[in-house]
Amino acid sequence: MRHRAQNTLVDSHLLHHAISLRFPISAIELPKIITNKDDLEVLKIENISVPVGGLVTTLDGNRVSMVCEVSGIPAPQVTWERDGVEVQRGGKLYTVDSTTQGDNGNYSCVARNNVGEVKATSQLKILGNYV
């Protein structure tokens, strides 16, 4: 299709391209976090890796990794908080090595972009080893 503009024939494809350059359309999307709402109880010594969310109960000495899978446009920035205090910037994984009862608390993944912020939280409960 051709359009007549100021006595000049203009190809519609070129016109569309010129309009899109002048008025860029960009998609935006609130961040999203894939969460786990199920409670997990691991009462033996092993490494644990779980999606963020829910209650995680385990024994002293275990390694617990919480995974925060995020999406959004533009790509969200991730931070991790423990009981409301930032403990890590970046990374989809937060790991507590060799847990102790002092690691009990709420661990949150916070995903932010210029559209907004979302948060998902796991409660970590460490039990003593009773042998």
N, C-alpha and C. Protein backbone atom coordinates (compact mmCIF):
# COMPACT_ATOMS: atom_id res chain seq x y z
N MET A 1 0.85 -1.16 0.00
CA MET A 1 0.00 0.00 0.00
C MET A 1 0.90 1.23 0.00
N ARG A 2 0.47 2.23 -0.73
CA ARG A 2 1.25 3.48 -0.80
C ARG A 2 0.38 4.63 -0.31
N HIS A 3 1.02 5.58 0.34
CA HIS A 3 0.34 6.77 0.83
C HIS A 3 0.95 7.99 0.15
N ARG A 4 0.11 8.98 -0.12
CA ARG A 4 0.61 10.21 -0.72
C ARG A 4 0.82 11.21 0.41
N ALA A 5 2.06 11.63 0.57
CA ALA A 5 2.38 12.61 1.61
C ALA A 5 3.18 13.74 0.99
N GLN A 6 2.65 14.91 1.06
CA GLN A 6 3.29 16.11 0.50
C GLN A 6 3.78 15.86 -0.92
N ASN A 7 2.88 15.37 -1.77
CA ASN A 7 3.15 15.11 -3.18
C ASN A 7 4.24 14.07 -3.41
N THR A 8 4.50 13.20 -2.41
CA THR A 8 5.51 12.16 -2.56
C THR A 8 4.87 10.83 -2.20
N LEU A 9 5.13 9.80 -3.00
CA LEU A 9 4.64 8.47 -2.68
C LEU A 9 5.55 7.86 -1.61
N VAL A 10 4.93 7.31 -0.54
CA VAL A 10 5.68 6.72 0.56
C VAL A 10 5.20 5.30 0.75
N ASP A 11 6.11 4.36 0.78
CA ASP A 11 5.79 2.96 1.02
C ASP A 11 5.27 2.82 2.46
N SER A 12 4.16 2.09 2.66
CA SER A 12 3.56 1.97 4.00
C SER A 12 4.51 1.30 4.98
N HIS A 13 5.34 0.38 4.52
CA HIS A 13 6.31 -0.26 5.41
C HIS A 13 7.29 0.77 5.95
N LEU A 14 7.76 1.65 5.08
CA LEU A 14 8.69 2.70 5.52
C LEU A 14 7.99 3.67 6.46
N LEU A 15 6.72 3.97 6.17
CA LEU A 15 5.96 4.86 7.04
C LEU A 15 5.80 4.25 8.43
N HIS A 16 5.45 2.95 8.48
CA HIS A 16 5.31 2.26 9.77
C HIS A 16 6.63 2.28 10.53
N HIS A 17 7.72 2.01 9.83
CA HIS A 17 9.05 2.01 10.45
C HIS A 17 9.38 3.40 11.00
N ALA A 18 9.08 4.43 10.25
CA ALA A 18 9.35 5.80 10.70
C ALA A 18 8.52 6.14 11.92
N ILE A 19 7.27 5.72 11.95
CA ILE A 19 6.41 5.99 13.10
C ILE A 19 6.91 5.23 14.32
N SER A 20 7.31 3.96 14.14
CA SER A 20 7.77 3.18 15.29
C SER A 20 9.07 3.73 15.85
N LEU A 21 9.92 4.32 15.03
CA LEU A 21 11.14 4.93 15.54
C LEU A 21 10.84 6.20 16.31
N ARG A 22 9.85 6.93 15.85
CA ARG A 22 9.51 8.19 16.50
C ARG A 22 8.73 7.96 17.79
N PHE A 23 7.89 6.93 17.81
CA PHE A 23 7.08 6.63 18.97
C PHE A 23 7.30 5.17 19.39
N PRO A 24 8.43 4.89 20.03
CA PRO A 24 8.72 3.49 20.38
C PRO A 24 7.69 2.95 21.37
N ILE A 25 7.30 1.72 21.15
CA ILE A 25 6.37 1.04 22.04
C ILE A 25 7.16 -0.01 22.79
N SER A 26 7.13 0.06 24.10
CA SER A 26 7.88 -0.93 24.87
C SER A 26 6.94 -1.62 25.84
N ALA A 27 7.15 -2.92 26.00
CA ALA A 27 6.35 -3.69 26.93
C ALA A 27 6.97 -3.59 28.31
N ILE A 28 6.12 -3.51 29.31
CA ILE A 28 6.59 -3.52 30.69
C ILE A 28 5.76 -4.53 31.45
N GLU A 29 6.36 -5.11 32.48
CA GLU A 29 5.68 -6.15 33.23
C GLU A 29 6.18 -6.16 34.66
N LEU A 30 5.26 -6.23 35.60
CA LEU A 30 5.59 -6.32 37.01
C LEU A 30 6.41 -7.58 37.23
N PRO A 31 7.42 -7.53 38.11
CA PRO A 31 8.20 -8.75 38.38
C PRO A 31 7.30 -9.86 38.92
N LYS A 32 7.71 -11.10 38.65
CA LYS A 32 7.02 -12.29 39.16
C LYS A 32 8.07 -13.19 39.77
N ILE A 33 7.68 -13.90 40.84
CA ILE A 33 8.56 -14.87 41.49
C ILE A 33 7.83 -16.20 41.53
N ILE A 34 8.52 -17.26 41.10
CA ILE A 34 7.97 -18.61 41.22
C ILE A 34 8.20 -19.05 42.65
N THR A 35 7.13 -19.38 43.36
CA THR A 35 7.26 -19.71 44.78
C THR A 35 6.76 -21.12 45.08
N ASN A 36 7.12 -21.58 46.26
CA ASN A 36 6.67 -22.86 46.77
C ASN A 36 5.90 -22.58 48.05
N LYS A 37 4.66 -22.97 48.10
CA LYS A 37 3.84 -22.73 49.29
C LYS A 37 3.83 -23.94 50.22
N ASP A 38 4.43 -25.05 49.80
CA ASP A 38 4.43 -26.25 50.62
C ASP A 38 5.50 -26.15 51.70
N ASP A 39 5.24 -26.77 52.85
CA ASP A 39 6.23 -26.84 53.91
C ASP A 39 7.14 -28.04 53.64
N LEU A 40 8.41 -27.89 53.99
CA LEU A 40 9.39 -28.94 53.77
C LEU A 40 10.08 -29.25 55.09
N GLU A 41 10.16 -30.54 55.41
CA GLU A 41 10.85 -30.96 56.63
C GLU A 41 11.89 -32.00 56.25
N VAL A 42 13.16 -31.69 56.50
CA VAL A 42 14.24 -32.62 56.21
C VAL A 42 14.97 -32.88 57.52
N LEU A 43 14.78 -34.08 58.07
CA LEU A 43 15.35 -34.41 59.37
C LEU A 43 16.50 -35.40 59.25
N LYS A 44 17.33 -35.18 58.25
CA LYS A 44 18.58 -35.93 58.11
C LYS A 44 19.59 -34.96 57.53
N ILE A 45 20.84 -35.30 57.63
CA ILE A 45 21.91 -34.42 57.16
C ILE A 45 22.04 -34.56 55.65
N GLU A 46 21.77 -33.46 54.96
CA GLU A 46 21.92 -33.41 53.50
C GLU A 46 21.83 -31.97 53.03
N ASN A 47 22.25 -31.76 51.79
CA ASN A 47 22.10 -30.44 51.18
C ASN A 47 20.67 -30.30 50.67
N ILE A 48 20.07 -29.14 50.90
CA ILE A 48 18.69 -28.90 50.52
C ILE A 48 18.64 -27.71 49.57
N SER A 49 17.89 -27.84 48.49
CA SER A 49 17.67 -26.73 47.56
C SER A 49 16.18 -26.66 47.29
N VAL A 50 15.56 -25.51 47.63
CA VAL A 50 14.10 -25.38 47.50
C VAL A 50 13.74 -24.03 46.90
N PRO A 51 12.62 -23.98 46.16
CA PRO A 51 12.13 -22.66 45.71
C PRO A 51 11.72 -21.85 46.94
N VAL A 52 11.92 -20.54 46.87
CA VAL A 52 11.56 -19.67 47.98
C VAL A 52 10.06 -19.76 48.25
N GLY A 53 9.68 -19.70 49.53
CA GLY A 53 8.28 -19.79 49.95
C GLY A 53 8.08 -20.95 50.91
N GLY A 54 7.15 -20.79 51.82
CA GLY A 54 6.81 -21.87 52.75
C GLY A 54 7.79 -21.98 53.91
N LEU A 55 7.58 -23.02 54.72
CA LEU A 55 8.40 -23.31 55.89
C LEU A 55 9.40 -24.40 55.55
N VAL A 56 10.67 -24.16 55.88
CA VAL A 56 11.71 -25.16 55.69
C VAL A 56 12.25 -25.52 57.07
N THR A 57 12.06 -26.78 57.48
CA THR A 57 12.54 -27.26 58.77
C THR A 57 13.62 -28.29 58.52
N THR A 58 14.77 -28.10 59.17
CA THR A 58 15.86 -29.04 58.98
C THR A 58 16.74 -29.08 60.22
N LEU A 59 17.80 -29.87 60.17
CA LEU A 59 18.69 -30.07 61.31
C LEU A 59 19.93 -29.18 61.22
N ASP A 60 20.56 -28.97 62.39
CA ASP A 60 21.87 -28.31 62.43
C ASP A 60 22.80 -28.97 61.43
N GLY A 61 23.62 -28.17 60.77
CA GLY A 61 24.66 -28.71 59.92
C GLY A 61 24.30 -28.88 58.46
N ASN A 62 23.03 -28.76 58.12
CA ASN A 62 22.65 -28.90 56.72
C ASN A 62 22.97 -27.62 55.95
N ARG A 63 23.14 -27.78 54.66
CA ARG A 63 23.29 -26.64 53.75
C ARG A 63 21.95 -26.42 53.09
N VAL A 64 21.39 -25.21 53.24
CA VAL A 64 20.08 -24.91 52.68
C VAL A 64 20.23 -23.81 51.64
N SER A 65 19.80 -24.10 50.41
CA SER A 65 19.80 -23.11 49.33
C SER A 65 18.36 -22.81 48.96
N MET A 66 18.01 -21.52 48.95
CA MET A 66 16.70 -21.08 48.51
C MET A 66 16.85 -20.47 47.12
N VAL A 67 15.97 -20.87 46.21
CA VAL A 67 16.05 -20.46 44.81
C VAL A 67 14.93 -19.48 44.51
N CYS A 68 15.29 -18.37 43.85
CA CYS A 68 14.32 -17.35 43.49
C CYS A 68 14.33 -17.18 41.97
N GLU A 69 13.37 -17.80 41.31
CA GLU A 69 13.22 -17.68 39.85
C GLU A 69 12.32 -16.48 39.58
N VAL A 70 12.86 -15.48 38.88
CA VAL A 70 12.09 -14.25 38.63
C VAL A 70 11.95 -14.00 37.13
N SER A 71 10.91 -13.24 36.80
CA SER A 71 10.73 -12.76 35.43
C SER A 71 10.10 -11.39 35.50
N GLY A 72 10.16 -10.65 34.41
CA GLY A 72 9.57 -9.33 34.34
C GLY A 72 10.22 -8.54 33.22
N ILE A 73 9.57 -7.48 32.78
CA ILE A 73 10.11 -6.61 31.74
C ILE A 73 10.03 -5.18 32.26
N PRO A 74 11.14 -4.50 32.39
CA PRO A 74 12.51 -4.98 32.21
C PRO A 74 12.88 -6.01 33.28
N ALA A 75 13.98 -6.73 33.04
CA ALA A 75 14.41 -7.78 33.96
C ALA A 75 14.57 -7.22 35.37
N PRO A 76 13.96 -7.88 36.35
CA PRO A 76 14.03 -7.39 37.73
C PRO A 76 15.43 -7.58 38.34
N GLN A 77 15.76 -6.69 39.27
CA GLN A 77 16.95 -6.82 40.11
C GLN A 77 16.51 -7.58 41.35
N VAL A 78 17.34 -8.51 41.82
CA VAL A 78 16.99 -9.35 42.97
C VAL A 78 17.87 -8.99 44.16
N THR A 79 17.23 -8.90 45.32
CA THR A 79 17.97 -8.80 46.58
C THR A 79 17.38 -9.83 47.54
N TRP A 80 18.18 -10.23 48.51
CA TRP A 80 17.74 -11.17 49.54
C TRP A 80 17.77 -10.45 50.89
N GLU A 81 16.75 -10.73 51.70
CA GLU A 81 16.66 -10.15 53.04
C GLU A 81 16.49 -11.27 54.06
N ARG A 82 17.04 -11.04 55.24
CA ARG A 82 16.79 -11.93 56.38
C ARG A 82 16.14 -11.07 57.45
N ASP A 83 14.92 -11.43 57.81
CA ASP A 83 14.16 -10.68 58.81
C ASP A 83 14.13 -9.19 58.49
N GLY A 84 13.96 -8.86 57.20
CA GLY A 84 13.81 -7.47 56.76
C GLY A 84 15.10 -6.71 56.52
N VAL A 85 16.26 -7.34 56.73
CA VAL A 85 17.55 -6.68 56.53
C VAL A 85 18.23 -7.30 55.31
N GLU A 86 18.68 -6.44 54.39
CA GLU A 86 19.33 -6.95 53.17
C GLU A 86 20.60 -7.72 53.53
N VAL A 87 20.72 -8.93 52.97
CA VAL A 87 21.90 -9.76 53.22
C VAL A 87 22.65 -10.10 51.94
N GLN A 88 22.02 -9.90 50.77
CA GLN A 88 22.70 -10.21 49.50
C GLN A 88 22.04 -9.44 48.38
N ARG A 89 22.87 -8.88 47.50
CA ARG A 89 22.39 -8.22 46.28
C ARG A 89 22.68 -9.12 45.10
N GLY A 90 21.65 -9.37 44.32
CA GLY A 90 21.83 -10.18 43.12
C GLY A 90 21.83 -11.66 43.42
N GLY A 91 21.66 -12.41 42.36
CA GLY A 91 21.70 -13.87 42.46
C GLY A 91 20.35 -14.48 42.73
N LYS A 92 20.05 -15.53 42.01
CA LYS A 92 18.78 -16.21 42.21
C LYS A 92 18.85 -17.23 43.34
N LEU A 93 20.04 -17.40 43.91
CA LEU A 93 20.27 -18.41 44.95
C LEU A 93 20.79 -17.76 46.21
N TYR A 94 20.19 -18.11 47.35
CA TYR A 94 20.73 -17.69 48.65
C TYR A 94 20.99 -18.96 49.44
N THR A 95 22.21 -19.11 49.94
CA THR A 95 22.61 -20.34 50.61
C THR A 95 23.05 -20.06 52.04
N VAL A 96 22.57 -20.90 52.95
CA VAL A 96 23.04 -20.90 54.33
C VAL A 96 23.85 -22.18 54.48
N ASP A 97 25.17 -22.03 54.63
CA ASP A 97 26.06 -23.19 54.80
C ASP A 97 26.05 -23.64 56.25
N SER A 98 26.07 -24.93 56.46
CA SER A 98 26.18 -25.51 57.79
C SER A 98 25.29 -24.78 58.81
N THR A 99 23.99 -24.95 58.65
CA THR A 99 23.01 -24.23 59.46
C THR A 99 23.17 -24.50 60.94
N THR A 100 22.81 -23.47 61.73
CA THR A 100 22.71 -23.58 63.18
C THR A 100 21.37 -22.97 63.59
N GLN A 101 21.00 -23.12 64.84
CA GLN A 101 19.74 -22.53 65.30
C GLN A 101 19.77 -21.01 65.20
N GLY A 102 20.95 -20.41 65.14
CA GLY A 102 21.07 -18.97 64.95
C GLY A 102 20.63 -18.52 63.56
N ASP A 103 20.45 -19.47 62.64
CA ASP A 103 20.00 -19.14 61.28
C ASP A 103 18.48 -19.11 61.15
N ASN A 104 17.76 -19.44 62.23
CA ASN A 104 16.29 -19.38 62.19
C ASN A 104 15.86 -17.98 61.77
N GLY A 105 14.83 -17.90 60.93
CA GLY A 105 14.33 -16.59 60.53
C GLY A 105 13.56 -16.64 59.24
N ASN A 106 13.17 -15.47 58.77
CA ASN A 106 12.44 -15.32 57.51
C ASN A 106 13.38 -14.79 56.44
N TYR A 107 13.51 -15.53 55.36
CA TYR A 107 14.40 -15.18 54.25
C TYR A 107 13.53 -14.80 53.05
N SER A 108 13.73 -13.59 52.54
CA SER A 108 12.89 -13.09 51.45
C SER A 108 13.70 -12.78 50.21
N CYS A 109 13.14 -13.15 49.07
CA CYS A 109 13.64 -12.74 47.78
C CYS A 109 12.79 -11.55 47.36
N VAL A 110 13.45 -10.43 47.02
CA VAL A 110 12.74 -9.23 46.60
C VAL A 110 13.15 -8.96 45.15
N ALA A 111 12.17 -8.89 44.26
CA ALA A 111 12.43 -8.61 42.83
C ALA A 111 11.84 -7.25 42.51
N ARG A 112 12.68 -6.35 41.93
CA ARG A 112 12.24 -4.99 41.62
C ARG A 112 12.60 -4.64 40.18
N ASN A 113 11.69 -3.92 39.54
CA ASN A 113 12.01 -3.22 38.30
C ASN A 113 11.27 -1.89 38.34
N ASN A 114 11.32 -1.12 37.26
CA ASN A 114 10.69 0.21 37.31
C ASN A 114 9.16 0.15 37.30
N VAL A 115 8.58 -1.05 37.20
CA VAL A 115 7.13 -1.20 37.25
C VAL A 115 6.66 -1.47 38.68
N GLY A 116 7.50 -2.13 39.47
CA GLY A 116 7.10 -2.44 40.84
C GLY A 116 8.02 -3.41 41.53
N GLU A 117 7.51 -3.95 42.63
CA GLU A 117 8.30 -4.84 43.50
C GLU A 117 7.41 -5.97 43.99
N VAL A 118 7.98 -7.17 44.05
CA VAL A 118 7.29 -8.31 44.66
C VAL A 118 8.27 -9.01 45.60
N LYS A 119 7.71 -9.73 46.56
CA LYS A 119 8.54 -10.40 47.57
C LYS A 119 7.96 -11.78 47.84
N ALA A 120 8.84 -12.75 48.01
CA ALA A 120 8.45 -14.10 48.43
C ALA A 120 9.35 -14.48 49.59
N THR A 121 8.75 -15.14 50.60
CA THR A 121 9.48 -15.40 51.84
C THR A 121 9.41 -16.86 52.24
N SER A 122 10.56 -17.38 52.71
CA SER A 122 10.63 -18.71 53.33
C SER A 122 10.94 -18.52 54.80
N GLN A 123 10.31 -19.33 55.63
CA GLN A 123 10.69 -19.35 57.04
C GLN A 123 11.62 -20.54 57.24
N LEU A 124 12.80 -20.28 57.77
CA LEU A 124 13.79 -21.33 58.01
C LEU A 124 13.79 -21.66 59.50
N LYS A 125 13.56 -22.94 59.81
CA LYS A 125 13.54 -23.39 61.19
C LYS A 125 14.57 -24.51 61.33
N ILE A 126 15.57 -24.26 62.19
CA ILE A 126 16.65 -25.23 62.38
C ILE A 126 16.46 -25.92 63.72
N LEU A 127 16.43 -27.23 63.67
CA LEU A 127 16.31 -28.04 64.89
C LEU A 127 17.69 -28.54 65.28
N GLY A 128 17.93 -28.71 66.57
CA GLY A 128 19.22 -29.26 67.02
C GLY A 128 19.31 -30.73 66.63
N ASN A 129 20.54 -31.23 66.51
CA ASN A 129 20.75 -32.64 66.23
C ASN A 129 20.66 -33.41 67.57
N TYR A 130 19.76 -34.34 67.63
CA TYR A 130 19.58 -35.13 68.84
C TYR A 130 20.00 -36.56 68.54
N VAL A 131 21.19 -36.95 69.01
CA VAL A 131 21.70 -38.29 68.72
C VAL A 131 21.77 -39.08 69.99
